[in-house]
C-alpha atoms as a PDB file:
ATOM      1  CA  UNK A   1       6.191  -5.962 -26.383  1.00  0.00           C
ATOM      2  CA  UNK A   2       8.319  -5.933 -23.264  1.00  0.00           C
ATOM      3  CA  UNK A   3       9.261  -2.365 -22.482  1.00  0.00           C
ATOM      4  CA  UNK A   4      12.948  -1.610 -22.456  1.00  0.00           C
ATOM      5  CA  UNK A   5      14.372   1.743 -21.297  1.00  0.00           C
ATOM      6  CA  UNK A   6      14.723   2.917 -24.912  1.00  0.00           C
ATOM      7  CA  UNK A   7      11.304   1.699 -26.074  1.00  0.00           C
ATOM      8  CA  UNK A   8       8.925   3.006 -23.441  1.00  0.00           C
ATOM      9  CA  UNK A   9       5.951   4.364 -25.389  1.00  0.00           C
ATOM     10  CA  UNK A  10       4.015   7.495 -24.537  1.00  0.00           C
ATOM     11  CA  UNK A  11       0.720   6.315 -23.114  1.00  0.00           C
ATOM     12  CA  UNK A  12      -2.489   8.316 -23.077  1.00  0.00           C
ATOM     13  CA  UNK A  13      -4.754   7.458 -20.118  1.00  0.00           C
ATOM     14  CA  UNK A  14      -8.227   6.447 -21.308  1.00  0.00           C
ATOM     15  CA  UNK A  15      -9.951   5.596 -18.043  1.00  0.00           C
ATOM     16  CA  UNK A  16      -9.286   5.658 -14.307  1.00  0.00           C
ATOM     17  CA  UNK A  17     -11.140   3.109 -12.155  1.00  0.00           C
ATOM     18  CA  UNK A  18     -11.086   1.462  -8.743  1.00  0.00           C
ATOM     19  CA  UNK A  19     -11.445  -2.115  -7.575  1.00  0.00           C
ATOM     20  CA  UNK A  20     -10.971  -4.153  -4.403  1.00  0.00           C
ATOM     21  CA  UNK A  21      -7.766  -6.102  -3.875  1.00  0.00           C
ATOM     22  CA  UNK A  22      -7.984  -9.899  -3.984  1.00  0.00           C
ATOM     23  CA  UNK A  23      -8.219  -9.971  -0.189  1.00  0.00           C
ATOM     24  CA  UNK A  24     -10.922  -7.289  -0.194  1.00  0.00           C
ATOM     25  CA  UNK A  25      -9.073  -5.407   2.560  1.00  0.00           C
ATOM     26  CA  UNK A  26      -8.267  -2.346   0.461  1.00  0.00           C
ATOM     27  CA  UNK A  27      -9.071  -0.642  -2.831  1.00  0.00           C
ATOM     28  CA  UNK A  28      -6.854   0.007  -5.819  1.00  0.00           C
ATOM     29  CA  UNK A  29      -6.980   2.856  -8.282  1.00  0.00           C
ATOM     30  CA  UNK A  30      -5.743   1.958 -11.742  1.00  0.00           C
ATOM     31  CA  UNK A  31      -5.555   3.425 -15.224  1.00  0.00           C
ATOM     32  CA  UNK A  32      -6.169   1.935 -18.627  1.00  0.00           C
ATOM     33  CA  UNK A  33      -4.223   3.646 -21.370  1.00  0.00           C
ATOM     34  CA  UNK A  34      -3.340   3.436 -25.032  1.00  0.00           C
ATOM     35  CA  UNK A  35      -0.041   4.045 -26.781  1.00  0.00           C
ATOM     36  CA  UNK A  36       0.479   5.561 -30.241  1.00  0.00           C
ATOM     37  CA  UNK A  37       0.149   2.082 -31.794  1.00  0.00           C
ATOM     38  CA  UNK A  38      -3.301   1.680 -30.172  1.00  0.00           C
ATOM     39  CA  UNK A  39      -1.962  -0.985 -27.787  1.00  0.00           C
ATOM     40  CA  UNK A  40      -3.672  -1.124 -24.390  1.00  0.00           C
ATOM     41  CA  UNK A  41      -1.701  -0.780 -21.136  1.00  0.00           C
ATOM     42  CA  UNK A  42      -2.611  -1.014 -17.445  1.00  0.00           C
ATOM     43  CA  UNK A  43      -1.063   0.950 -14.589  1.00  0.00           C
ATOM     44  CA  UNK A  44      -1.617   0.657 -10.830  1.00  0.00           C
ATOM     45  CA  UNK A  45      -1.973   4.196  -9.494  1.00  0.00           C
ATOM     46  CA  UNK A  46      -2.862   3.885  -5.806  1.00  0.00           C
ATOM     47  CA  UNK A  47      -3.652   1.489  -2.985  1.00  0.00           C
ATOM     48  CA  UNK A  48      -5.614   2.847  -0.034  1.00  0.00           C
ATOM     49  CA  UNK A  49      -4.324  -0.035   2.109  1.00  0.00           C
ATOM     50  CA  UNK A  50      -0.772   1.265   2.090  1.00  0.00           C
ATOM     51  CA  UNK A  51       0.940  -1.702   0.406  1.00  0.00           C
ATOM     52  CA  UNK A  52       3.789  -0.924  -1.977  1.00  0.00           C
ATOM     53  CA  UNK A  53       3.490  -1.555  -5.726  1.00  0.00           C
ATOM     54  CA  UNK A  54       5.214  -0.813  -9.017  1.00  0.00           C
ATOM     55  CA  UNK A  55       3.518   1.969 -10.937  1.00  0.00           C
ATOM     56  CA  UNK A  56       4.804   1.391 -14.465  1.00  0.00           C
ATOM     57  CA  UNK A  57       2.525   0.795 -17.420  1.00  0.00           C
ATOM     58  CA  UNK A  58       2.209  -2.879 -18.420  1.00  0.00           C
ATOM     59  CA  UNK A  59       1.239  -3.788 -21.987  1.00  0.00           C
ATOM     60  CA  UNK A  60      -1.922  -5.865 -22.391  1.00  0.00           C
ATOM     61  CA  UNK A  61      -0.181  -8.129 -24.911  1.00  0.00           C
ATOM     62  CA  UNK A  62       2.393  -9.051 -22.235  1.00  0.00           C
ATOM     63  CA  UNK A  63      -0.345  -9.641 -19.667  1.00  0.00           C
ATOM     64  CA  UNK A  64      -2.311 -11.763 -22.118  1.00  0.00           C
ATOM     65  CA  UNK A  65       0.751 -13.886 -22.927  1.00  0.00           C
ATOM     66  CA  UNK A  66       1.403 -14.431 -19.220  1.00  0.00           C
ATOM     67  CA  UNK A  67      -2.152 -15.448 -18.309  1.00  0.00           C
ATOM     68  CA  UNK A  68      -2.495 -17.690 -21.362  1.00  0.00           C
ATOM     69  CA  UNK A  69       0.717 -19.537 -20.504  1.00  0.00           C
ATOM     70  CA  UNK A  70      -0.570 -21.220 -17.333  1.00  0.00           C
ATOM     71  CA  UNK A  71      -3.699 -22.772 -15.852  1.00  0.00           C
ATOM     72  CA  UNK A  72      -4.780 -22.035 -13.235  1.00  0.00           C
ATOM     73  CA  UNK A  73      -3.703 -18.393 -13.254  1.00  0.00           C
ATOM     74  CA  UNK A  74      -2.077 -17.053 -10.086  1.00  0.00           C
ATOM     75  CA  UNK A  75      -0.246 -13.808  -9.393  1.00  0.00           C
ATOM     76  CA  UNK A  76       3.073 -15.639  -9.811  1.00  0.00           C
ATOM     77  CA  UNK A  77       2.696 -15.716 -13.600  1.00  0.00           C
ATOM     78  CA  UNK A  78       2.488 -11.902 -13.628  1.00  0.00           C
ATOM     79  CA  UNK A  79       5.584 -11.138 -11.529  1.00  0.00           C
ATOM     80  CA  UNK A  80       7.978 -10.927 -14.465  1.00  0.00           C
ATOM     81  CA  UNK A  81       5.913  -8.098 -15.987  1.00  0.00           C
ATOM     82  CA  UNK A  82       7.112  -5.634 -13.350  1.00  0.00           C
ATOM     83  CA  UNK A  83      10.556  -4.083 -13.112  1.00  0.00           C
ATOM     84  CA  UNK A  84       9.878  -2.950  -9.552  1.00  0.00           C
ATOM     85  CA  UNK A  85      10.597  -5.118  -6.577  1.00  0.00           C
ATOM     86  CA  UNK A  86       7.201  -5.165  -4.833  1.00  0.00           C
ATOM     87  CA  UNK A  87       5.585  -8.588  -4.706  1.00  0.00           C
ATOM     88  CA  UNK A  88       2.208  -6.854  -4.316  1.00  0.00           C
ATOM     89  CA  UNK A  89       2.193  -5.627  -7.925  1.00  0.00           C
ATOM     90  CA  UNK A  90       1.320  -8.958  -9.525  1.00  0.00           C
ATOM     91  CA  UNK A  91      -1.528  -9.625  -7.088  1.00  0.00           C
ATOM     92  CA  UNK A  92      -2.842  -6.105  -7.577  1.00  0.00           C
ATOM     93  CA  UNK A  93      -2.753  -6.591 -11.365  1.00  0.00           C
ATOM     94  CA  UNK A  94      -4.703  -9.812 -10.953  1.00  0.00           C
ATOM     95  CA  UNK A  95      -7.290  -7.850  -8.932  1.00  0.00           C
ATOM     96  CA  UNK A  96      -7.602  -5.395 -11.824  1.00  0.00           C
ATOM     97  CA  UNK A  97      -7.975  -8.198 -14.368  1.00  0.00           C
ATOM     98  CA  UNK A  98     -10.756  -9.683 -12.230  1.00  0.00           C
ATOM     99  CA  UNK A  99     -12.496  -6.298 -11.942  1.00  0.00           C
ATOM    100  CA  UNK A 100     -12.291  -5.822 -15.721  1.00  0.00           C
ATOM    101  CA  UNK A 101     -13.891  -9.240 -16.272  1.00  0.00           C
ATOM    102  CA  UNK A 102     -10.806 -10.724 -17.933  1.00  0.00           C
ATOM    103  CA  UNK A 103     -10.294 -13.479 -15.348  1.00  0.00           C
ATOM    104  CA  UNK A 104     -12.613 -15.152 -12.883  1.00  0.00           C
ATOM    105  CA  UNK A 105     -12.045 -17.074  -9.675  1.00  0.00           C
ATOM    106  CA  UNK A 106     -12.004 -20.844  -9.726  1.00  0.00           C
ATOM    107  CA  UNK A 107     -14.593 -21.985  -7.188  1.00  0.00           C
ATOM    108  CA  UNK A 108     -12.493 -24.932  -6.070  1.00  0.00           C
ATOM    109  CA  UNK A 109      -9.279 -23.049  -5.242  1.00  0.00           C
ATOM    110  CA  UNK A 110      -8.608 -19.816  -3.371  1.00  0.00           C
ATOM    111  CA  UNK A 111      -6.582 -17.240  -5.341  1.00  0.00           C
ATOM    112  CA  UNK A 112      -6.641 -19.330  -8.505  1.00  0.00           C
ATOM    113  CA  UNK A 113      -8.206 -17.905 -11.643  1.00  0.00           C
ATOM    114  CA  UNK A 114      -9.047 -18.721 -15.252  1.00  0.00           C
ATOM    115  CA  UNK A 115      -9.632 -16.517 -18.275  1.00  0.00           C
ATOM    116  CA  UNK A 116     -13.220 -15.601 -19.089  1.00  0.00           C
END
């Protein structure tokens, strides 16, 4: 359900939460939301470390397709989900997925993950 300019759904925030970045040097604030079709979306809202990020909503079904398409999972597989130009966005999204228990670190490789 890639969002196009004419198909951006209205999203109702359901929960606001915080988590550490992958490096642990800063904290992110993010929102989980739901559109009128009951589809879940994630949005990065803030980074107390000052790094730039894209703040658009990203559909869970697009995230799920991206993380299920590769193994191991790295932030690179999430880059295409963002229209913005910040390379931080995909790593920040991966931090959120880890905090939500949707991916976990691979013990043998730094910054490599697998689905839970």
